[in-house]
Amino acid sequence: MLYLYAKAIHIIFVVCWMAGLFYMPRLFIYHQEAKQKTTVEYEVLHKQFMIMERKLWWVITTPAMYIVLGSAFVLLYLNPALLLTGWMQIKLVFVGLLVIYHFKCQGMMFQLRAGNLSWTSTQLRLWNEVSTLILFAIVFLVILKSTIGWVFGVVGLISLAVLLMILVKLYKKYRNNKGEQVD
């Protein structure tokens, strides 16, 4: 019974963590694009984005990550045989990448707060898709678990990555055609 409660908590907080990881880079994009506004507008927007980023990060995203990791340790403690399966070992590598992504976003938040993030909004749009790709890889691993399923999952993941890059480039072209400045 404890295993099922831990699993439910794990899934709920994965959703919360991913929501934060999806939205935070979007805020970064808007925050970075605010630099194109007048000085007065930028100062107002900068203060507002700092509040939004801080609350999203410290109230939702980071606590959710720690609850996800804690519940994962409980699940693995209650069922240590999972650690011997190939799909779980690969999943843990992707989770590690997601944790690295999390802390890289935290660093970017601090850089934006100081006004010295050098990434363009286009680079941030591409960065925004990294967590999506990692999530896809994890879900395919958890659901498919087999080698053949994993091969198809990797092909699908690469296809998704290419599609996302194309869509970001098309969006940039669309915004340029509308006369909006995009870097």
N, C-alpha and C. Protein backbone atom coordinates (compact mmCIF):
# COMPACT_ATOMS: atom_id res chain seq x y z
N MET A 1 0.82 -1.19 0.00
CA MET A 1 0.00 0.00 0.00
C MET A 1 0.87 1.27 0.00
N LEU A 2 1.95 1.27 0.79
CA LEU A 2 2.86 2.41 0.83
C LEU A 2 3.46 2.67 -0.56
N TYR A 3 3.74 1.59 -1.28
CA TYR A 3 4.30 1.71 -2.62
C TYR A 3 3.35 2.50 -3.53
N LEU A 4 2.06 2.17 -3.46
CA LEU A 4 1.08 2.85 -4.31
C LEU A 4 0.92 4.32 -3.94
N TYR A 5 0.96 4.63 -2.64
CA TYR A 5 0.89 6.03 -2.22
C TYR A 5 2.12 6.79 -2.72
N ALA A 6 3.29 6.18 -2.58
CA ALA A 6 4.52 6.82 -3.05
C ALA A 6 4.47 7.03 -4.56
N LYS A 7 3.93 6.05 -5.27
CA LYS A 7 3.83 6.15 -6.73
C LYS A 7 2.87 7.27 -7.14
N ALA A 8 1.74 7.37 -6.44
CA ALA A 8 0.78 8.45 -6.73
C ALA A 8 1.41 9.82 -6.47
N ILE A 9 2.08 9.95 -5.35
CA ILE A 9 2.75 11.22 -5.02
C ILE A 9 3.82 11.53 -6.07
N HIS A 10 4.56 10.52 -6.47
CA HIS A 10 5.60 10.68 -7.48
C HIS A 10 5.00 11.24 -8.77
N ILE A 11 3.93 10.64 -9.25
CA ILE A 11 3.32 11.07 -10.51
C ILE A 11 2.75 12.48 -10.39
N ILE A 12 2.07 12.79 -9.30
CA ILE A 12 1.48 14.12 -9.11
C ILE A 12 2.57 15.19 -9.14
N PHE A 13 3.68 14.94 -8.43
CA PHE A 13 4.71 15.97 -8.36
C PHE A 13 5.61 16.00 -9.58
N VAL A 14 5.64 14.91 -10.36
CA VAL A 14 6.30 14.99 -11.67
C VAL A 14 5.56 16.01 -12.53
N VAL A 15 4.23 15.95 -12.49
CA VAL A 15 3.42 16.91 -13.25
C VAL A 15 3.72 18.34 -12.79
N CYS A 16 3.78 18.56 -11.49
CA CYS A 16 4.07 19.90 -10.96
C CYS A 16 5.47 20.37 -11.36
N TRP A 17 6.45 19.48 -11.24
CA TRP A 17 7.82 19.83 -11.59
C TRP A 17 7.92 20.19 -13.07
N MET A 18 7.31 19.35 -13.90
CA MET A 18 7.39 19.59 -15.34
C MET A 18 6.66 20.88 -15.71
N ALA A 19 5.54 21.17 -15.05
CA ALA A 19 4.84 22.42 -15.33
C ALA A 19 5.77 23.61 -15.08
N GLY A 20 6.50 23.56 -13.97
CA GLY A 20 7.44 24.62 -13.66
C GLY A 20 8.57 24.69 -14.68
N LEU A 21 9.09 23.52 -15.07
CA LEU A 21 10.19 23.50 -16.05
C LEU A 21 9.73 23.93 -17.44
N PHE A 22 8.46 23.73 -17.74
CA PHE A 22 7.94 24.19 -19.03
C PHE A 22 7.72 25.71 -19.02
N TYR A 23 7.22 26.22 -17.91
CA TYR A 23 6.85 27.64 -17.86
C TYR A 23 8.03 28.56 -17.59
N MET A 24 8.99 28.11 -16.81
CA MET A 24 10.11 28.97 -16.44
C MET A 24 10.88 29.50 -17.65
N PRO A 25 11.30 28.65 -18.60
CA PRO A 25 11.99 29.20 -19.77
C PRO A 25 11.10 30.14 -20.60
N ARG A 26 9.80 29.92 -20.56
CA ARG A 26 8.89 30.83 -21.25
C ARG A 26 8.96 32.21 -20.61
N LEU A 27 9.00 32.24 -19.27
CA LEU A 27 9.18 33.52 -18.58
C LEU A 27 10.53 34.14 -18.94
N PHE A 28 11.56 33.30 -19.07
CA PHE A 28 12.87 33.80 -19.46
C PHE A 28 12.81 34.51 -20.82
N ILE A 29 12.07 33.92 -21.74
CA ILE A 29 11.94 34.51 -23.08
C ILE A 29 11.32 35.90 -22.97
N TYR A 30 10.20 35.99 -22.26
CA TYR A 30 9.53 37.28 -22.11
C TYR A 30 10.41 38.28 -21.37
N HIS A 31 11.11 37.80 -20.35
CA HIS A 31 11.99 38.64 -19.57
C HIS A 31 13.11 39.20 -20.46
N GLN A 32 13.69 38.33 -21.25
CA GLN A 32 14.78 38.74 -22.15
C GLN A 32 14.27 39.71 -23.21
N GLU A 33 13.09 39.45 -23.75
CA GLU A 33 12.53 40.32 -24.79
C GLU A 33 12.11 41.68 -24.22
N ALA A 34 11.90 41.76 -22.92
CA ALA A 34 11.55 43.04 -22.30
C ALA A 34 12.68 44.05 -22.44
N LYS A 35 13.90 43.56 -22.68
CA LYS A 35 15.04 44.47 -22.86
C LYS A 35 14.89 45.35 -24.10
N GLN A 36 14.00 44.93 -25.01
CA GLN A 36 13.78 45.69 -26.23
C GLN A 36 12.82 46.87 -25.99
N LYS A 37 12.23 46.93 -24.82
CA LYS A 37 11.29 48.00 -24.47
C LYS A 37 12.07 49.24 -24.04
N THR A 38 11.34 50.31 -23.75
CA THR A 38 11.99 51.51 -23.22
C THR A 38 12.54 51.19 -21.84
N THR A 39 13.42 52.04 -21.36
CA THR A 39 14.04 51.83 -20.05
C THR A 39 12.99 51.75 -18.95
N VAL A 40 12.02 52.64 -18.99
CA VAL A 40 10.96 52.66 -17.97
C VAL A 40 10.14 51.37 -18.03
N GLU A 41 9.75 50.98 -19.24
CA GLU A 41 8.98 49.74 -19.40
C GLU A 41 9.78 48.54 -18.92
N TYR A 42 11.06 48.51 -19.30
CA TYR A 42 11.91 47.39 -18.89
C TYR A 42 12.01 47.29 -17.38
N GLU A 43 12.20 48.40 -16.71
CA GLU A 43 12.33 48.37 -15.25
C GLU A 43 11.09 47.78 -14.60
N VAL A 44 9.91 48.18 -15.08
CA VAL A 44 8.66 47.65 -14.54
C VAL A 44 8.55 46.16 -14.83
N LEU A 45 8.80 45.78 -16.08
CA LEU A 45 8.70 44.37 -16.47
C LEU A 45 9.74 43.52 -15.76
N HIS A 46 10.96 44.03 -15.64
CA HIS A 46 12.04 43.31 -14.98
C HIS A 46 11.64 42.97 -13.54
N LYS A 47 11.11 43.93 -12.83
CA LYS A 47 10.68 43.69 -11.44
C LYS A 47 9.58 42.65 -11.39
N GLN A 48 8.61 42.76 -12.31
CA GLN A 48 7.49 41.80 -12.32
C GLN A 48 7.97 40.39 -12.68
N PHE A 49 8.84 40.27 -13.68
CA PHE A 49 9.35 38.95 -14.05
C PHE A 49 10.18 38.33 -12.93
N MET A 50 10.94 39.15 -12.21
CA MET A 50 11.72 38.62 -11.09
C MET A 50 10.79 38.03 -10.03
N ILE A 51 9.68 38.70 -9.75
CA ILE A 51 8.71 38.19 -8.77
C ILE A 51 8.10 36.88 -9.27
N MET A 52 7.66 36.87 -10.52
CA MET A 52 7.02 35.68 -11.09
C MET A 52 7.99 34.49 -11.11
N GLU A 53 9.22 34.74 -11.55
CA GLU A 53 10.21 33.67 -11.63
C GLU A 53 10.55 33.13 -10.24
N ARG A 54 10.74 34.04 -9.30
CA ARG A 54 11.09 33.62 -7.93
C ARG A 54 9.98 32.76 -7.33
N LYS A 55 8.74 33.19 -7.46
CA LYS A 55 7.63 32.43 -6.87
C LYS A 55 7.44 31.08 -7.56
N LEU A 56 7.50 31.08 -8.89
CA LEU A 56 7.37 29.81 -9.62
C LEU A 56 8.48 28.86 -9.21
N TRP A 57 9.70 29.37 -9.11
CA TRP A 57 10.86 28.52 -8.84
C TRP A 57 10.86 27.96 -7.43
N TRP A 58 10.68 28.86 -6.45
CA TRP A 58 10.87 28.46 -5.05
C TRP A 58 9.61 27.93 -4.39
N VAL A 59 8.42 28.22 -4.95
CA VAL A 59 7.17 27.76 -4.34
C VAL A 59 6.65 26.50 -5.02
N ILE A 60 6.91 26.35 -6.31
CA ILE A 60 6.35 25.20 -7.05
C ILE A 60 7.44 24.28 -7.58
N THR A 61 8.29 24.79 -8.44
CA THR A 61 9.20 23.94 -9.22
C THR A 61 10.22 23.21 -8.36
N THR A 62 10.96 23.93 -7.55
CA THR A 62 12.01 23.27 -6.76
C THR A 62 11.45 22.34 -5.69
N PRO A 63 10.42 22.75 -4.92
CA PRO A 63 9.85 21.78 -3.96
C PRO A 63 9.31 20.53 -4.66
N ALA A 64 8.69 20.71 -5.83
CA ALA A 64 8.17 19.56 -6.57
C ALA A 64 9.30 18.61 -6.97
N MET A 65 10.44 19.18 -7.41
CA MET A 65 11.58 18.33 -7.77
C MET A 65 12.03 17.48 -6.58
N TYR A 66 12.15 18.11 -5.42
CA TYR A 66 12.60 17.36 -4.25
C TYR A 66 11.60 16.30 -3.83
N ILE A 67 10.32 16.58 -3.98
CA ILE A 67 9.30 15.57 -3.65
C ILE A 67 9.35 14.43 -4.66
N VAL A 68 9.58 14.75 -5.94
CA VAL A 68 9.72 13.71 -6.97
C VAL A 68 10.91 12.80 -6.63
N LEU A 69 12.03 13.42 -6.32
CA LEU A 69 13.23 12.62 -6.02
C LEU A 69 13.04 11.81 -4.74
N GLY A 70 12.45 12.42 -3.72
CA GLY A 70 12.20 11.70 -2.47
C GLY A 70 11.26 10.52 -2.66
N SER A 71 10.18 10.73 -3.39
CA SER A 71 9.24 9.63 -3.63
C SER A 71 9.88 8.55 -4.51
N ALA A 72 10.77 8.95 -5.42
CA ALA A 72 11.49 7.96 -6.25
C ALA A 72 12.39 7.09 -5.38
N PHE A 73 13.07 7.72 -4.41
CA PHE A 73 13.92 6.93 -3.51
C PHE A 73 13.07 5.95 -2.70
N VAL A 74 11.89 6.37 -2.28
CA VAL A 74 10.99 5.46 -1.54
C VAL A 74 10.60 4.30 -2.44
N LEU A 75 10.21 4.59 -3.68
CA LEU A 75 9.82 3.53 -4.61
C LEU A 75 10.96 2.55 -4.85
N LEU A 76 12.16 3.06 -5.03
CA LEU A 76 13.30 2.18 -5.28
C LEU A 76 13.71 1.41 -4.02
N TYR A 77 13.51 2.02 -2.87
CA TYR A 77 13.79 1.32 -1.61
C TYR A 77 12.81 0.16 -1.41
N LEU A 78 11.54 0.41 -1.75
CA LEU A 78 10.52 -0.63 -1.58
C LEU A 78 10.59 -1.70 -2.66
N ASN A 79 11.17 -1.36 -3.82
CA ASN A 79 11.31 -2.32 -4.92
C ASN A 79 12.70 -2.18 -5.54
N PRO A 80 13.75 -2.60 -4.82
CA PRO A 80 15.13 -2.41 -5.31
C PRO A 80 15.44 -3.19 -6.58
N ALA A 81 14.64 -4.19 -6.90
CA ALA A 81 14.88 -4.96 -8.12
C ALA A 81 14.77 -4.08 -9.36
N LEU A 82 14.05 -2.96 -9.27
CA LEU A 82 13.94 -2.05 -10.41
C LEU A 82 15.30 -1.52 -10.84
N LEU A 83 16.21 -1.38 -9.88
CA LEU A 83 17.53 -0.86 -10.21
C LEU A 83 18.34 -1.80 -11.10
N LEU A 84 17.92 -3.05 -11.19
CA LEU A 84 18.62 -4.03 -12.01
C LEU A 84 18.11 -4.07 -13.44
N THR A 85 17.03 -3.33 -13.71
CA THR A 85 16.46 -3.34 -15.06
C THR A 85 17.11 -2.26 -15.91
N GLY A 86 17.35 -2.59 -17.17
CA GLY A 86 18.01 -1.65 -18.08
C GLY A 86 17.21 -0.38 -18.29
N TRP A 87 15.90 -0.51 -18.44
CA TRP A 87 15.09 0.67 -18.70
C TRP A 87 15.15 1.65 -17.52
N MET A 88 15.20 1.12 -16.30
CA MET A 88 15.25 2.00 -15.13
C MET A 88 16.60 2.70 -15.05
N GLN A 89 17.66 2.00 -15.38
CA GLN A 89 18.98 2.62 -15.36
C GLN A 89 19.06 3.76 -16.37
N ILE A 90 18.50 3.52 -17.56
CA ILE A 90 18.48 4.58 -18.58
C ILE A 90 17.57 5.72 -18.14
N LYS A 91 16.44 5.38 -17.54
CA LYS A 91 15.52 6.41 -17.03
C LYS A 91 16.23 7.30 -16.01
N LEU A 92 17.00 6.69 -15.12
CA LEU A 92 17.69 7.47 -14.10
C LEU A 92 18.73 8.41 -14.71
N VAL A 93 19.32 8.01 -15.83
CA VAL A 93 20.24 8.91 -16.54
C VAL A 93 19.47 10.13 -17.04
N PHE A 94 18.29 9.90 -17.63
CA PHE A 94 17.48 11.01 -18.11
C PHE A 94 16.98 11.88 -16.96
N VAL A 95 16.64 11.27 -15.84
CA VAL A 95 16.24 12.06 -14.67
C VAL A 95 17.41 12.92 -14.21
N GLY A 96 18.60 12.35 -14.23
CA GLY A 96 19.80 13.13 -13.90
C GLY A 96 19.95 14.32 -14.83
N LEU A 97 19.71 14.11 -16.13
CA LEU A 97 19.77 15.22 -17.09
C LEU A 97 18.71 16.27 -16.77
N LEU A 98 17.54 15.82 -16.34
CA LEU A 98 16.47 16.76 -15.98
C LEU A 98 16.85 17.57 -14.74
N VAL A 99 17.52 16.96 -13.80
CA VAL A 99 17.98 17.69 -12.61
C VAL A 99 19.04 18.72 -13.02
N ILE A 100 19.94 18.34 -13.92
CA ILE A 100 20.94 19.29 -14.42
C ILE A 100 20.24 20.45 -15.13
N TYR A 101 19.24 20.14 -15.95
CA TYR A 101 18.44 21.16 -16.64
C TYR A 101 17.80 22.10 -15.62
N HIS A 102 17.27 21.53 -14.55
CA HIS A 102 16.63 22.30 -13.48
C HIS A 102 17.61 23.33 -12.93
N PHE A 103 18.79 22.88 -12.56
CA PHE A 103 19.75 23.79 -11.94
C PHE A 103 20.35 24.78 -12.94
N LYS A 104 20.42 24.39 -14.21
CA LYS A 104 20.85 25.34 -15.25
C LYS A 104 19.80 26.46 -15.36
N CYS A 105 18.53 26.10 -15.31
CA CYS A 105 17.47 27.11 -15.33
C CYS A 105 17.58 28.03 -14.12
N GLN A 106 17.91 27.47 -12.98
CA GLN A 106 18.07 28.28 -11.78
C GLN A 106 19.20 29.31 -11.99
N GLY A 107 20.29 28.87 -12.57
CA GLY A 107 21.40 29.79 -12.86
C GLY A 107 20.98 30.87 -13.84
N MET A 108 20.18 30.49 -14.84
CA MET A 108 19.70 31.47 -15.81
C MET A 108 18.78 32.49 -15.13
N MET A 109 17.98 32.04 -14.18
CA MET A 109 17.11 32.95 -13.43
C MET A 109 17.95 33.99 -12.70
N PHE A 110 19.03 33.54 -12.06
CA PHE A 110 19.92 34.47 -11.35
C PHE A 110 20.59 35.45 -12.33
N GLN A 111 20.98 34.95 -13.51
CA GLN A 111 21.59 35.83 -14.51
C GLN A 111 20.60 36.88 -15.00
N LEU A 112 19.36 36.47 -15.23
CA LEU A 112 18.34 37.42 -15.67
C LEU A 112 18.09 38.47 -14.59
N ARG A 113 18.06 38.03 -13.35
CA ARG A 113 17.85 38.96 -12.24
C ARG A 113 18.95 40.02 -12.24
N ALA A 114 20.18 39.61 -12.51
CA ALA A 114 21.31 40.54 -12.54
C ALA A 114 21.38 41.31 -13.86
N GLY A 115 20.56 40.91 -14.83
CA GLY A 115 20.53 41.60 -16.12
C GLY A 115 21.67 41.22 -17.05
N ASN A 116 22.26 40.03 -16.84
CA ASN A 116 23.40 39.67 -17.70
C ASN A 116 23.28 38.30 -18.36
N LEU A 117 22.07 37.85 -18.64
CA LEU A 117 21.92 36.61 -19.41
C LEU A 117 22.17 36.95 -20.88
N SER A 118 23.08 36.23 -21.50
CA SER A 118 23.48 36.55 -22.88
C SER A 118 22.70 35.76 -23.93
N TRP A 119 21.82 34.88 -23.53
CA TRP A 119 21.08 34.07 -24.50
C TRP A 119 20.05 34.94 -25.23
N THR A 120 19.86 34.64 -26.51
CA THR A 120 18.83 35.32 -27.28
C THR A 120 17.48 34.66 -27.02
N SER A 121 16.41 35.32 -27.41
CA SER A 121 15.09 34.72 -27.20
C SER A 121 14.93 33.45 -28.05
N THR A 122 15.57 33.40 -29.21
CA THR A 122 15.51 32.18 -30.03
C THR A 122 16.23 31.03 -29.34
N GLN A 123 17.40 31.31 -28.77
CA GLN A 123 18.11 30.28 -28.03
C GLN A 123 17.28 29.81 -26.83
N LEU A 124 16.61 30.74 -26.17
CA LEU A 124 15.76 30.36 -25.04
C LEU A 124 14.56 29.53 -25.49
N ARG A 125 14.04 29.82 -26.67
CA ARG A 125 12.93 29.02 -27.20
C ARG A 125 13.38 27.57 -27.45
N LEU A 126 14.58 27.41 -27.98
CA LEU A 126 15.11 26.07 -28.18
C LEU A 126 15.38 25.39 -26.84
N TRP A 127 15.94 26.13 -25.89
CA TRP A 127 16.20 25.60 -24.54
C TRP A 127 14.89 25.13 -23.90
N ASN A 128 13.83 25.86 -24.16
CA ASN A 128 12.52 25.53 -23.60
C ASN A 128 12.06 24.13 -24.01
N GLU A 129 12.56 23.64 -25.12
CA GLU A 129 12.13 22.33 -25.62
C GLU A 129 12.95 21.17 -25.04
N VAL A 130 14.06 21.47 -24.40
CA VAL A 130 14.92 20.41 -23.87
C VAL A 130 14.17 19.56 -22.84
N SER A 131 13.46 20.21 -21.93
CA SER A 131 12.72 19.45 -20.91
C SER A 131 11.62 18.60 -21.55
N THR A 132 11.04 19.08 -22.63
CA THR A 132 10.02 18.30 -23.35
C THR A 132 10.63 17.02 -23.90
N LEU A 133 11.81 17.15 -24.50
CA LEU A 133 12.47 15.97 -25.08
C LEU A 133 12.85 14.96 -23.99
N ILE A 134 13.35 15.46 -22.87
CA ILE A 134 13.72 14.56 -21.77
C ILE A 134 12.47 13.87 -21.22
N LEU A 135 11.38 14.63 -21.08
CA LEU A 135 10.13 14.03 -20.60
C LEU A 135 9.65 12.93 -21.55
N PHE A 136 9.70 13.19 -22.85
CA PHE A 136 9.31 12.17 -23.83
C PHE A 136 10.14 10.91 -23.65
N ALA A 137 11.45 11.08 -23.51
CA ALA A 137 12.34 9.93 -23.35
C ALA A 137 11.96 9.13 -22.10
N ILE A 138 11.71 9.81 -21.00
CA ILE A 138 11.37 9.13 -19.75
C ILE A 138 10.05 8.39 -19.88
N VAL A 139 9.05 9.04 -20.45
CA VAL A 139 7.74 8.39 -20.58
C VAL A 139 7.83 7.18 -21.50
N PHE A 140 8.53 7.30 -22.63
CA PHE A 140 8.69 6.15 -23.52
C PHE A 140 9.38 4.99 -22.80
N LEU A 141 10.40 5.31 -22.02
CA LEU A 141 11.11 4.26 -21.28
C LEU A 141 10.19 3.57 -20.28
N VAL A 142 9.46 4.35 -19.51
CA VAL A 142 8.60 3.78 -18.47
C VAL A 142 7.49 2.94 -19.08
N ILE A 143 6.92 3.39 -20.17
CA ILE A 143 5.79 2.68 -20.78
C ILE A 143 6.25 1.49 -21.62
N LEU A 144 7.27 1.68 -22.45
CA LEU A 144 7.66 0.63 -23.40
C LEU A 144 8.60 -0.41 -22.80
N LYS A 145 9.59 0.01 -22.07
CA LYS A 145 10.53 -0.86 -21.35
C LYS A 145 11.31 -1.86 -22.20
N SER A 146 10.94 -2.08 -23.42
CA SER A 146 11.63 -3.09 -24.23
C SER A 146 12.63 -2.42 -25.17
N THR A 147 13.55 -3.21 -25.69
CA THR A 147 14.59 -2.70 -26.59
C THR A 147 13.98 -2.18 -27.88
N ILE A 148 13.08 -2.94 -28.49
CA ILE A 148 12.48 -2.50 -29.75
C ILE A 148 11.66 -1.24 -29.52
N GLY A 149 10.92 -1.21 -28.43
CA GLY A 149 10.15 -0.01 -28.10
C GLY A 149 11.06 1.18 -27.90
N TRP A 150 12.21 0.95 -27.28
CA TRP A 150 13.17 2.02 -27.04
C TRP A 150 13.73 2.54 -28.36
N VAL A 151 14.01 1.65 -29.31
CA VAL A 151 14.53 2.08 -30.62
C VAL A 151 13.50 2.99 -31.30
N PHE A 152 12.25 2.56 -31.31
CA PHE A 152 11.22 3.40 -31.91
C PHE A 152 11.05 4.71 -31.14
N GLY A 153 11.20 4.63 -29.83
CA GLY A 153 11.12 5.83 -29.01
C GLY A 153 12.22 6.82 -29.34
N VAL A 154 13.45 6.33 -29.54
CA VAL A 154 14.57 7.20 -29.89
C VAL A 154 14.34 7.84 -31.26
N VAL A 155 13.89 7.05 -32.22
CA VAL A 155 13.59 7.60 -33.55
C VAL A 155 12.50 8.67 -33.42
N GLY A 156 11.48 8.39 -32.63
CA GLY A 156 10.41 9.37 -32.41
C GLY A 156 10.93 10.62 -31.72
N LEU A 157 11.83 10.43 -30.75
CA LEU A 157 12.40 11.55 -30.00
C LEU A 157 13.24 12.44 -30.91
N ILE A 158 14.04 11.83 -31.75
CA ILE A 158 14.86 12.61 -32.69
C ILE A 158 13.95 13.35 -33.67
N SER A 159 12.92 12.67 -34.14
CA SER A 159 11.96 13.32 -35.04
C SER A 159 11.27 14.49 -34.36
N LEU A 160 10.90 14.31 -33.10
CA LEU A 160 10.27 15.39 -32.35
C LEU A 160 11.22 16.57 -32.18
N ALA A 161 12.48 16.28 -31.89
CA ALA A 161 13.48 17.35 -31.72
C ALA A 161 13.63 18.15 -33.02
N VAL A 162 13.71 17.45 -34.14
CA VAL A 162 13.83 18.13 -35.43
C VAL A 162 12.57 18.96 -35.70
N LEU A 163 11.41 18.40 -35.44
CA LEU A 163 10.16 19.12 -35.64
C LEU A 163 10.09 20.37 -34.76
N LEU A 164 10.50 20.25 -33.51
CA LEU A 164 10.48 21.42 -32.61
C LEU A 164 11.42 22.51 -33.09
N MET A 165 12.61 22.13 -33.56
CA MET A 165 13.55 23.13 -34.08
C MET A 165 12.98 23.83 -35.31
N ILE A 166 12.35 23.06 -36.18
CA ILE A 166 11.73 23.64 -37.37
C ILE A 166 10.62 24.62 -36.97
N LEU A 167 9.80 24.21 -36.00
CA LEU A 167 8.70 25.08 -35.56
C LEU A 167 9.22 26.37 -34.92
N VAL A 168 10.30 26.29 -34.16
CA VAL A 168 10.88 27.50 -33.57
C VAL A 168 11.38 28.42 -34.67
N LYS A 169 12.03 27.86 -35.68
CA LYS A 169 12.53 28.67 -36.80
C LYS A 169 11.37 29.29 -37.59
N LEU A 170 10.30 28.52 -37.81
CA LEU A 170 9.14 29.06 -38.51
C LEU A 170 8.48 30.18 -37.71
N TYR A 171 8.42 30.02 -36.40
CA TYR A 171 7.85 31.06 -35.55
C TYR A 171 8.68 32.33 -35.63
N LYS A 172 9.99 32.18 -35.64
CA LYS A 172 10.88 33.34 -35.76
C LYS A 172 10.64 34.04 -37.09
N LYS A 173 10.51 33.26 -38.16
CA LYS A 173 10.26 33.84 -39.48
C LYS A 173 8.90 34.54 -39.50
N TYR A 174 7.90 33.93 -38.88
CA TYR A 174 6.56 34.53 -38.80
C TYR A 174 6.61 35.86 -38.07
N ARG A 175 7.32 35.90 -36.94
CA ARG A 175 7.42 37.15 -36.16
C ARG A 175 8.20 38.21 -36.95
N ASN A 176 9.22 37.80 -37.66
CA ASN A 176 9.97 38.75 -38.48
C ASN A 176 9.09 39.34 -39.58
N ASN A 177 8.24 38.51 -40.17
CA ASN A 177 7.33 38.97 -41.22
C ASN A 177 6.27 39.92 -40.68
N LYS A 178 5.92 39.76 -39.41
CA LYS A 178 4.95 40.66 -38.79
C LYS A 178 5.59 41.96 -38.35
N GLY A 179 6.90 42.05 -38.46
CA GLY A 179 7.60 43.27 -38.11
C GLY A 179 8.08 43.33 -36.67
N GLU A 180 7.95 42.23 -35.92
CA GLU A 180 8.45 42.21 -34.55
C GLU A 180 9.93 41.91 -34.58
N GLN A 181 10.67 42.55 -33.71
CA GLN A 181 12.11 42.28 -33.65
C GLN A 181 12.34 40.99 -32.88
N VAL A 182 13.07 40.09 -33.51
CA VAL A 182 13.41 38.82 -32.90
C VAL A 182 14.91 38.64 -33.05
N ASP A 183 15.57 38.16 -31.99
CA ASP A 183 17.01 37.91 -32.12
C ASP A 183 17.28 36.49 -32.48
